[in-house]
Amino acid sequence: MLDGISLEMATGELVAILGPSGCGKSSLLALIPGLIVPDSGTVHVGGHPPNTDGSRPSIGMVFQDPVLFEWRTAYANVSLPLEIEHGERQFKEKRGELHERVESALAKVGLTGFEDSFPHELSGGMKARVAIARALVTSPEVIIMDEPFASLDDISRGALNFRLLAIKRKTDAAMVFVTHSINEAVLLADRVLMLSRRPARVVLDIRVKFDDVERNESLSETPRFVEYARRLRLSLKEASA
């Protein structure tokens, strides 16, 4: 249950959402593409409500489970949104153009050379990369990510965090990123929203700025990073009470 939540995002902005378990973070994400309908209030993306005549901007989605089809290669999993969008016949007719889009999406996540690999041949981190590439292939204006790295080991998760930062620098897509990791939120986000227990409301909305400091492996050792993390830990403790 959500209570009076208002969220505005700018082009290219990454907003991380934190909050107690079960507070409604995933429900908030589901409202954006119209997977669930709010009891009151409205949701607009690019000035358009859900389920309109197609003028609404495209939305890419990445979940904690990559949700890959085991019988399709990495290439075929990434190309699926284009096949659905254009239809099988048109997809084949435009195969040259669309092939470049699939290859580009795979390259952005570092999977060039793994196009013909099936999911059972890929590591957990590589499966997550396929899921991200699938979200990127339609050049969406909004990307929704629901704890996409939560099931990965620390090394794989760290590598994908920096991969996502590199992708973010090359796209204008707005990103909404749900996580339970305060450090991950501070590393990735332009803004962090803290939600309270149900009925969830926004109890903290802070902008994360590091000026000229590069967001790299040593960022977590800087005083500003430590202060952001301290503030969010305190807010999470209060939100969970």
Protein backbone atom coordinates (compact mmCIF):
# COMPACT_ATOMS: atom_id res chain seq x y z
CA MET A 1 0.00 0.00 0.00
CA LEU A 2 1.26 3.46 -0.95
CA ASP A 3 0.19 6.70 0.66
CA GLY A 4 0.36 9.96 -1.27
CA ILE A 5 3.64 9.28 -3.06
CA SER A 6 4.65 11.86 -5.64
CA LEU A 7 7.68 11.30 -7.86
CA GLU A 8 8.95 13.42 -10.72
CA MET A 9 12.02 12.38 -12.71
CA ALA A 10 14.16 14.14 -15.27
CA THR A 11 15.63 12.70 -18.46
CA GLY A 12 18.81 10.77 -17.71
CA GLU A 13 18.19 10.75 -13.95
CA LEU A 14 18.68 7.60 -11.86
CA VAL A 15 16.48 7.45 -8.77
CA ALA A 16 17.20 4.71 -6.24
CA ILE A 17 14.40 3.60 -3.92
CA LEU A 18 15.10 2.22 -0.46
CA GLY A 19 12.74 1.17 2.32
CA PRO A 20 11.80 -1.62 4.72
CA SER A 21 10.99 -5.03 3.26
CA GLY A 22 7.39 -5.25 2.12
CA CYS A 23 6.77 -1.51 2.19
CA GLY A 24 5.63 -1.33 -1.45
CA LYS A 25 8.76 -0.60 -3.49
CA SER A 26 7.89 -3.18 -6.15
CA SER A 27 4.28 -1.96 -6.22
CA LEU A 28 5.55 1.54 -6.93
CA LEU A 29 7.56 0.24 -9.87
CA ALA A 30 4.57 -1.70 -11.21
CA LEU A 31 2.51 1.50 -11.34
CA ILE A 32 4.89 3.15 -13.81
CA PRO A 33 4.24 0.87 -16.83
CA GLY A 34 0.61 0.33 -15.82
CA LEU A 35 1.02 -3.24 -14.57
CA ILE A 36 -1.20 -2.24 -11.67
CA VAL A 37 -3.71 0.62 -11.56
CA PRO A 38 -3.68 3.12 -8.68
CA ASP A 39 -6.80 3.48 -6.54
CA SER A 40 -6.33 7.23 -6.79
CA GLY A 41 -3.93 9.60 -8.49
CA THR A 42 -2.32 9.35 -11.91
CA VAL A 43 0.88 8.11 -13.49
CA HIS A 44 2.34 9.91 -16.50
CA VAL A 45 5.50 9.09 -18.41
CA GLY A 46 6.55 11.65 -20.97
CA GLY A 47 3.21 13.38 -20.46
CA HIS A 48 1.18 10.26 -21.25
CA PRO A 49 -0.78 7.88 -18.98
CA PRO A 50 -0.45 4.08 -19.28
CA ASN A 51 -2.15 2.07 -22.02
CA THR A 52 -2.65 4.91 -24.50
CA ASP A 53 -2.43 4.89 -28.28
CA GLY A 54 1.28 4.16 -28.38
CA SER A 55 2.45 7.75 -28.00
CA ARG A 56 3.71 6.98 -24.50
CA PRO A 57 7.51 6.49 -24.29
CA SER A 58 8.78 2.92 -24.22
CA ILE A 59 9.69 1.40 -20.87
CA GLY A 60 12.35 -1.26 -20.28
CA MET A 61 12.11 -3.56 -17.26
CA VAL A 62 14.74 -5.57 -15.38
CA PHE A 63 13.81 -7.81 -12.46
CA GLN A 64 15.77 -9.68 -9.78
CA ASP A 65 15.24 -12.86 -11.78
CA PRO A 66 16.54 -12.31 -15.34
CA VAL A 67 13.47 -14.20 -16.71
CA LEU A 68 15.28 -15.60 -19.74
CA PHE A 69 13.85 -18.22 -22.10
CA GLU A 70 16.12 -21.25 -21.73
CA TRP A 71 15.59 -22.35 -25.35
CA ARG A 72 16.66 -18.99 -26.77
CA THR A 73 20.24 -17.80 -27.09
CA ALA A 74 21.44 -14.56 -25.52
CA TYR A 75 20.91 -12.88 -28.88
CA ALA A 76 17.39 -14.31 -29.24
CA ASN A 77 16.44 -13.29 -25.69
CA VAL A 78 17.59 -9.72 -26.32
CA SER A 79 15.87 -9.53 -29.71
CA LEU A 80 12.50 -10.68 -28.33
CA PRO A 81 11.10 -7.17 -27.61
CA LEU A 82 11.88 -6.17 -31.21
CA GLU A 83 10.16 -9.29 -32.54
CA ILE A 84 7.08 -8.45 -30.48
CA GLU A 85 7.18 -4.79 -31.50
CA HIS A 86 7.59 -5.35 -35.23
CA GLY A 87 5.99 -8.74 -35.72
CA GLU A 88 7.76 -11.80 -37.09
CA ARG A 89 7.50 -10.83 -40.76
CA GLN A 90 8.64 -7.25 -40.30
CA PHE A 91 11.41 -8.37 -37.96
CA LYS A 92 12.80 -10.61 -40.69
CA GLU A 93 12.49 -7.88 -43.31
CA LYS A 94 14.37 -5.40 -41.13
CA ARG A 95 16.82 -7.96 -39.83
CA GLY A 96 19.90 -5.94 -40.83
CA GLU A 97 18.83 -2.81 -38.97
CA LEU A 98 17.47 -4.71 -35.98
CA HIS A 99 20.52 -6.95 -35.85
CA GLU A 100 22.64 -3.85 -35.25
CA ARG A 101 20.39 -2.81 -32.35
CA VAL A 102 20.68 -6.23 -30.71
CA GLU A 103 24.45 -6.32 -31.21
CA SER A 104 24.76 -2.80 -29.79
CA ALA A 105 22.74 -3.71 -26.70
CA LEU A 106 24.86 -6.79 -26.09
CA ALA A 107 28.04 -4.76 -26.55
CA LYS A 108 26.89 -2.19 -23.98
CA VAL A 109 26.70 -4.89 -21.32
CA GLY A 110 29.96 -6.55 -22.34
CA LEU A 111 28.54 -9.68 -23.95
CA THR A 112 30.02 -9.43 -27.43
CA GLY A 113 31.08 -12.96 -28.34
CA PHE A 114 28.35 -14.60 -26.25
CA GLU A 115 25.49 -14.01 -28.68
CA ASP A 116 24.99 -17.73 -29.36
CA SER A 117 25.21 -18.83 -25.71
CA PHE A 118 22.14 -20.29 -24.01
CA PRO A 119 21.19 -19.25 -20.46
CA HIS A 120 22.47 -22.52 -18.93
CA GLU A 121 25.89 -21.68 -20.37
CA LEU A 122 26.01 -18.26 -18.69
CA SER A 123 26.92 -17.23 -15.16
CA GLY A 124 24.44 -15.39 -12.94
CA GLY A 125 26.11 -12.08 -13.69
CA MET A 126 26.02 -12.72 -17.43
CA LYS A 127 22.31 -13.60 -17.27
CA ALA A 128 21.72 -10.28 -15.53
CA ARG A 129 23.59 -8.56 -18.36
CA VAL A 130 21.34 -10.25 -20.93
CA ALA A 131 18.30 -8.95 -19.03
CA ILE A 132 19.72 -5.42 -19.07
CA ALA A 133 20.51 -5.66 -22.78
CA ARG A 134 16.94 -6.79 -23.44
CA ALA A 135 15.69 -3.70 -21.61
CA LEU A 136 18.01 -1.45 -23.63
CA VAL A 137 17.32 -2.85 -27.10
CA THR A 138 14.17 -0.79 -27.72
CA SER A 139 15.98 2.45 -26.71
CA PRO A 140 13.50 3.06 -23.87
CA GLU A 141 13.01 6.46 -22.28
CA VAL A 142 12.45 4.85 -18.88
CA ILE A 143 14.17 1.77 -17.41
CA ILE A 144 12.70 0.11 -14.31
CA MET A 145 15.05 -2.09 -12.28
CA ASP A 146 13.72 -4.11 -9.33
CA GLU A 147 16.73 -5.35 -7.31
CA PRO A 148 18.43 -6.66 -10.46
CA PHE A 149 21.70 -7.59 -8.74
CA ALA A 150 20.41 -8.80 -5.37
CA SER A 151 21.06 -12.50 -6.02
CA LEU A 152 24.64 -12.03 -7.23
CA ASP A 153 27.90 -12.42 -5.33
CA ASP A 154 29.70 -9.24 -4.26
CA ILE A 155 32.26 -9.35 -7.08
CA SER A 156 29.65 -9.80 -9.82
CA ARG A 157 27.39 -7.22 -8.24
CA GLY A 158 30.18 -4.66 -8.02
CA ALA A 159 31.16 -5.21 -11.65
CA LEU A 160 27.55 -4.75 -12.80
CA ASN A 161 27.18 -1.57 -10.74
CA PHE A 162 30.04 0.01 -12.66
CA ARG A 163 28.73 -1.41 -15.93
CA LEU A 164 25.39 0.27 -15.19
CA LEU A 165 27.14 3.58 -14.49
CA ALA A 166 28.86 3.32 -17.89
CA ILE A 167 25.51 2.61 -19.58
CA LYS A 168 23.93 5.52 -17.75
CA ARG A 169 26.54 7.91 -19.15
CA LYS A 170 25.60 6.83 -22.69
CA THR A 171 21.81 6.95 -22.46
CA ASP A 172 19.19 9.60 -21.79
CA ALA A 173 16.84 7.07 -20.23
CA ALA A 174 15.50 7.84 -16.79
CA MET A 175 16.08 4.91 -14.41
CA VAL A 176 14.19 3.80 -11.32
CA PHE A 177 16.31 1.38 -9.29
CA VAL A 178 15.00 -0.52 -6.25
CA THR A 179 17.65 -1.89 -3.90
CA HIS A 180 18.15 -2.97 -0.29
CA SER A 181 21.81 -1.89 -0.41
CA ILE A 182 22.52 1.60 0.88
CA ASN A 183 26.02 1.59 -0.61
CA GLU A 184 24.65 0.56 -4.00
CA ALA A 185 22.09 3.37 -3.88
CA VAL A 186 24.72 5.99 -3.03
CA LEU A 187 27.10 4.73 -5.72
CA LEU A 188 24.55 4.68 -8.55
CA ALA A 189 21.90 7.29 -7.85
CA ASP A 190 21.39 10.94 -8.63
CA ARG A 191 18.60 10.85 -6.04
CA VAL A 192 17.62 8.42 -3.30
CA LEU A 193 14.08 8.07 -1.99
CA MET A 194 13.45 6.41 1.36
CA LEU A 195 10.00 4.89 1.86
CA SER A 196 8.38 4.27 5.22
CA ARG A 197 6.64 1.13 6.40
CA ARG A 198 3.20 0.45 4.91
CA PRO A 199 1.32 2.47 3.98
CA ALA A 200 4.49 3.71 2.32
CA ARG A 201 5.23 7.39 1.97
CA VAL A 202 8.42 9.22 1.08
CA VAL A 203 10.24 10.13 4.30
CA LEU A 204 13.50 11.26 2.67
CA ASP A 205 14.39 12.50 -0.81
CA ILE A 206 18.04 13.47 -1.18
CA ARG A 207 20.21 14.35 -4.14
CA VAL A 208 23.54 12.56 -4.33
CA LYS A 209 26.35 14.73 -5.67
CA PHE A 210 30.07 14.08 -5.77
CA ASP A 211 31.10 17.12 -7.82
CA ASP A 212 34.29 16.23 -9.71
CA VAL A 213 34.91 12.97 -7.85
CA GLU A 214 34.68 9.95 -10.16
CA ARG A 215 32.29 7.18 -9.17
CA ASN A 216 34.81 4.36 -8.97
CA GLU A 217 35.96 1.64 -6.58
CA SER A 218 37.45 4.14 -4.11
CA LEU A 219 34.35 6.35 -3.92
CA SER A 220 33.03 4.52 -0.85
CA GLU A 221 36.09 5.68 1.10
CA THR A 222 35.37 9.38 0.61
CA PRO A 223 33.88 11.43 3.47
CA ARG A 224 30.90 12.49 1.36
CA PHE A 225 30.00 8.90 0.49
CA VAL A 226 30.27 7.89 4.13
CA GLU A 227 28.03 10.80 5.16
CA TYR A 228 25.36 9.94 2.58
CA ALA A 229 25.41 6.31 3.72
CA ARG A 230 25.20 7.32 7.40
CA ARG A 231 22.22 9.57 6.71
CA LEU A 232 20.41 6.84 4.78
CA ARG A 233 21.08 4.20 7.44
CA LEU A 234 19.59 6.51 10.06
CA SER A 235 16.58 7.22 7.84
CA LEU A 236 16.04 3.49 7.15
CA LYS A 237 16.16 2.75 10.88
CA GLU A 238 13.55 5.42 11.54
CA ALA A 239 11.41 4.28 8.57
CA SER A 240 11.45 0.70 9.85
CA ALA A 241 10.39 1.60 13.39
